[in-house]
C-alpha atoms as a PDB file:
ATOM      1  CA  UNK A   1      84.270  93.399 -90.008  1.00  0.00           C
ATOM      2  CA  UNK A   2      85.564  95.753 -87.337  1.00  0.00           C
ATOM      3  CA  UNK A   3      83.041  97.867 -85.415  1.00  0.00           C
ATOM      4  CA  UNK A   4      82.556 101.445 -86.567  1.00  0.00           C
ATOM      5  CA  UNK A   5      81.867 104.321 -84.188  1.00  0.00           C
ATOM      6  CA  UNK A   6      80.925 107.757 -85.470  1.00  0.00           C
ATOM      7  CA  UNK A   7      80.403 110.985 -83.548  1.00  0.00           C
ATOM      8  CA  UNK A   8      77.630 112.900 -85.344  1.00  0.00           C
ATOM      9  CA  UNK A   9      74.945 115.570 -85.116  1.00  0.00           C
ATOM     10  CA  UNK A  10      71.371 115.504 -86.426  1.00  0.00           C
ATOM     11  CA  UNK A  11      71.902 117.836 -89.373  1.00  0.00           C
ATOM     12  CA  UNK A  12      75.286 117.060 -90.860  1.00  0.00           C
ATOM     13  CA  UNK A  13      75.691 116.395 -94.591  1.00  0.00           C
ATOM     14  CA  UNK A  14      79.223 115.073 -94.046  1.00  0.00           C
ATOM     15  CA  UNK A  15      77.897 112.539 -91.525  1.00  0.00           C
ATOM     16  CA  UNK A  16      75.333 111.355 -94.067  1.00  0.00           C
ATOM     17  CA  UNK A  17      77.976 111.069 -96.784  1.00  0.00           C
ATOM     18  CA  UNK A  18      80.286 109.096 -94.493  1.00  0.00           C
ATOM     19  CA  UNK A  19      77.451 106.722 -93.530  1.00  0.00           C
ATOM     20  CA  UNK A  20      76.605 106.202 -97.207  1.00  0.00           C
ATOM     21  CA  UNK A  21      80.213 105.355 -98.047  1.00  0.00           C
ATOM     22  CA  UNK A  22      80.442 102.927 -95.141  1.00  0.00           C
ATOM     23  CA  UNK A  23      77.132 101.317 -96.170  1.00  0.00           C
ATOM     24  CA  UNK A  24      78.512 100.815 -99.683  1.00  0.00           C
ATOM     25  CA  UNK A  25      81.380  98.899 -98.050  1.00  0.00           C
ATOM     26  CA  UNK A  26      78.967  96.601 -96.244  1.00  0.00           C
ATOM     27  CA  UNK A  27      78.943  98.338 -92.866  1.00  0.00           C
ATOM     28  CA  UNK A  28      75.409  97.807 -91.608  1.00  0.00           C
ATOM     29  CA  UNK A  29      75.853  98.762 -87.962  1.00  0.00           C
ATOM     30  CA  UNK A  30      77.412 102.048 -86.867  1.00  0.00           C
ATOM     31  CA  UNK A  31      77.641 103.007 -83.215  1.00  0.00           C
ATOM     32  CA  UNK A  32      76.450 106.576 -83.680  1.00  0.00           C
ATOM     33  CA  UNK A  33      77.138 108.999 -80.837  1.00  0.00           C
ATOM     34  CA  UNK A  34      75.075 112.179 -81.155  1.00  0.00           C
ATOM     35  CA  UNK A  35      77.109 114.994 -79.641  1.00  0.00           C
ATOM     36  CA  UNK A  36      74.295 117.503 -80.196  1.00  0.00           C
ATOM     37  CA  UNK A  37      72.195 115.586 -77.669  1.00  0.00           C
ATOM     38  CA  UNK A  38      74.916 115.105 -75.060  1.00  0.00           C
ATOM     39  CA  UNK A  39      77.470 117.875 -74.372  1.00  0.00           C
ATOM     40  CA  UNK A  40      79.579 115.434 -72.345  1.00  0.00           C
ATOM     41  CA  UNK A  41      80.030 113.292 -75.462  1.00  0.00           C
ATOM     42  CA  UNK A  42      81.201 116.369 -77.392  1.00  0.00           C
ATOM     43  CA  UNK A  43      83.839 117.008 -74.719  1.00  0.00           C
ATOM     44  CA  UNK A  44      84.871 113.348 -74.825  1.00  0.00           C
ATOM     45  CA  UNK A  45      85.162 113.433 -78.629  1.00  0.00           C
ATOM     46  CA  UNK A  46      87.290 116.579 -78.504  1.00  0.00           C
ATOM     47  CA  UNK A  47      89.601 115.144 -75.851  1.00  0.00           C
ATOM     48  CA  UNK A  48      90.079 111.884 -77.797  1.00  0.00           C
ATOM     49  CA  UNK A  49      90.486 113.354 -81.286  1.00  0.00           C
ATOM     50  CA  UNK A  50      91.640 116.927 -80.731  1.00  0.00           C
ATOM     51  CA  UNK A  51      88.964 117.966 -83.220  1.00  0.00           C
ATOM     52  CA  UNK A  52      85.681 119.866 -82.859  1.00  0.00           C
ATOM     53  CA  UNK A  53      83.955 118.927 -86.128  1.00  0.00           C
ATOM     54  CA  UNK A  54      81.757 115.971 -87.019  1.00  0.00           C
ATOM     55  CA  UNK A  55      81.813 113.332 -88.128  1.00  0.00           C
ATOM     56  CA  UNK A  56      84.690 111.793 -86.235  1.00  0.00           C
ATOM     57  CA  UNK A  57      84.991 108.190 -87.329  1.00  0.00           C
ATOM     58  CA  UNK A  58      86.647 105.228 -85.645  1.00  0.00           C
ATOM     59  CA  UNK A  59      87.116 101.814 -87.222  1.00  0.00           C
ATOM     60  CA  UNK A  60      87.858  99.497 -84.353  1.00  0.00           C
ATOM     61  CA  UNK A  61      90.313 101.456 -82.222  1.00  0.00           C
ATOM     62  CA  UNK A  62      91.697 103.433 -85.200  1.00  0.00           C
ATOM     63  CA  UNK A  63      90.690 107.082 -85.514  1.00  0.00           C
ATOM     64  CA  UNK A  64      90.072 107.651 -89.223  1.00  0.00           C
ATOM     65  CA  UNK A  65      89.161 111.328 -88.882  1.00  0.00           C
ATOM     66  CA  UNK A  66      86.315 113.081 -90.665  1.00  0.00           C
ATOM     67  CA  UNK A  67      84.400 112.454 -93.866  1.00  0.00           C
ATOM     68  CA  UNK A  68      87.147 113.793 -96.139  1.00  0.00           C
ATOM     69  CA  UNK A  69      89.661 111.531 -94.377  1.00  0.00           C
ATOM     70  CA  UNK A  70      87.354 108.538 -94.881  1.00  0.00           C
ATOM     71  CA  UNK A  71      86.915 109.333 -98.580  1.00  0.00           C
ATOM     72  CA  UNK A  72      90.689 109.737 -99.008  1.00  0.00           C
ATOM     73  CA  UNK A  73      91.326 106.436 -97.230  1.00  0.00           C
ATOM     74  CA  UNK A  74      88.875 104.744 -99.576  1.00  0.00           C
ATOM     75  CA  UNK A  75      90.437 106.418-102.609  1.00  0.00           C
ATOM     76  CA  UNK A  76      93.841 105.124-101.558  1.00  0.00           C
ATOM     77  CA  UNK A  77      92.411 101.592-101.391  1.00  0.00           C
ATOM     78  CA  UNK A  78      93.005 101.320 -97.642  1.00  0.00           C
ATOM     79  CA  UNK A  79      89.464 101.431 -96.242  1.00  0.00           C
ATOM     80  CA  UNK A  80      88.591  97.825 -97.110  1.00  0.00           C
ATOM     81  CA  UNK A  81      91.753  96.620 -95.373  1.00  0.00           C
ATOM     82  CA  UNK A  82      90.999  98.684 -92.288  1.00  0.00           C
ATOM     83  CA  UNK A  83      87.409  97.422 -92.084  1.00  0.00           C
ATOM     84  CA  UNK A  84      88.421  93.757 -92.426  1.00  0.00           C
ATOM     85  CA  UNK A  85      88.856  91.710 -89.258  1.00  0.00           C
END
């Protein structure tokens, strides 16, 4: 399974929902980067993704987007393929 990285904040219902969906797919380890604790990480996230909102999710090197993007990817049957090695 490819590594998953997620930019998050402490109080973010969309982050929780995304983590729950990934857990249901067997993802047990998420590299969580808390942008509320480190302003430099927020700037890095914005420069990489062009977005200001969390979560911002990466599967391997692929930027999935936010929670709604992750849910849509799953609904289209493409999340399992992306997560597979």
